[in-house]
Amino acid sequence: MFCVYVLKSLRNNKRYIGYTGKSVEERLREHNSGTNIFTRQNKPFVLIYKEEYSIKSEAIKREKFLKSGIGRKFLDDTTRP
């Protein structure tokens, strides 16, 4: 199983969009421990959105979509409180 996920920084409200073959909870812990430069500088993060896929290529395609202008608009509409 593959998951596309969206995290929101509690520090500055920036979003991080990624995909993983791990559990989303495990990946969130990794981001909050500072495993890459972007997440290290913008942590802590909370999970605000996720989608599951059985095929890796579909998850990658969806991740790329969510990073596009239309995808960002979709996330703004979907994750708005």
Protein backbone atom coordinates (compact mmCIF):
# COMPACT_ATOMS: atom_id res chain seq x y z
CA MET A 1 0.00 0.00 0.00
CA PHE A 2 1.21 3.50 -0.86
CA CYS A 3 -0.04 6.71 0.63
CA VAL A 4 0.00 10.30 -0.59
CA TYR A 5 -0.04 12.66 2.36
CA VAL A 6 -0.14 16.35 3.13
CA LEU A 7 1.43 17.81 6.24
CA LYS A 8 0.94 21.30 7.61
CA SER A 9 3.64 23.13 9.53
CA LEU A 10 2.50 24.42 12.90
CA ARG A 11 5.37 26.92 12.74
CA ASN A 12 4.41 28.77 9.56
CA ASN A 13 1.40 26.98 7.97
CA LYS A 14 3.44 25.72 4.98
CA ARG A 15 2.36 22.43 3.42
CA TYR A 16 4.52 19.44 2.63
CA ILE A 17 3.21 16.93 0.07
CA GLY A 18 4.75 13.50 -0.31
CA TYR A 19 4.11 9.82 -0.86
CA THR A 20 5.36 6.81 1.02
CA GLY A 21 5.23 3.04 1.18
CA LYS A 22 5.56 3.27 4.97
CA SER A 23 2.76 4.06 7.36
CA VAL A 24 1.82 7.74 7.36
CA GLU A 25 2.28 7.89 11.13
CA GLU A 26 5.85 6.59 10.82
CA ARG A 27 6.60 9.07 8.03
CA LEU A 28 5.18 11.94 10.11
CA ARG A 29 7.48 10.97 13.00
CA GLU A 30 10.44 11.00 10.59
CA HIS A 31 9.53 14.45 9.30
CA ASN A 32 9.10 15.81 12.81
CA SER A 33 12.52 14.43 13.77
CA GLY A 34 14.05 16.45 10.91
CA THR A 35 15.01 13.85 8.29
CA ASN A 36 15.20 16.37 5.43
CA ILE A 37 16.09 20.06 5.17
CA PHE A 38 12.59 21.39 4.46
CA THR A 39 10.91 19.54 7.29
CA ARG A 40 13.76 20.25 9.70
CA GLN A 41 13.34 24.00 9.13
CA ASN A 42 9.54 24.00 9.28
CA LYS A 43 8.64 21.45 11.96
CA PRO A 44 6.51 20.50 13.81
CA PHE A 45 4.00 19.11 11.30
CA VAL A 46 0.53 17.63 11.58
CA LEU A 47 -1.19 15.39 9.05
CA ILE A 48 -4.05 17.21 7.30
CA TYR A 49 -4.85 14.92 4.34
CA LYS A 50 -4.07 11.45 2.98
CA GLU A 51 -5.08 9.09 0.18
CA GLU A 52 -4.17 5.41 -0.20
CA TYR A 53 -3.18 3.62 -3.42
CA SER A 54 -2.28 0.05 -4.18
CA ILE A 55 -0.03 0.98 -7.13
CA LYS A 56 3.08 3.10 -6.58
CA SER A 57 2.86 4.88 -9.95
CA GLU A 58 -0.68 6.06 -9.12
CA ALA A 59 0.53 7.52 -5.81
CA ILE A 60 3.38 9.33 -7.58
CA LYS A 61 1.00 10.70 -10.20
CA ARG A 62 -1.38 11.97 -7.50
CA GLU A 63 1.49 13.54 -5.53
CA LYS A 64 2.55 15.46 -8.65
CA PHE A 65 -1.04 16.59 -9.20
CA LEU A 66 -1.37 17.87 -5.62
CA LYS A 67 1.83 19.89 -6.12
CA SER A 68 0.36 21.58 -9.23
CA GLY A 69 -1.71 24.77 -9.21
CA ILE A 70 -4.99 22.89 -9.60
CA GLY A 71 -3.91 20.40 -6.93
CA ARG A 72 -3.05 23.17 -4.47
CA LYS A 73 -6.49 24.70 -5.10
CA PHE A 74 -8.07 21.27 -4.44
CA LEU A 75 -6.19 21.04 -1.14
CA ASP A 76 -7.18 24.57 -0.17
CA ASP A 77 -10.85 23.69 -0.73
CA THR A 78 -10.58 20.24 0.90
CA THR A 79 -8.55 21.07 4.00
CA ARG A 80 -10.13 24.42 4.83
CA PRO A 81 -11.50 24.33 8.41
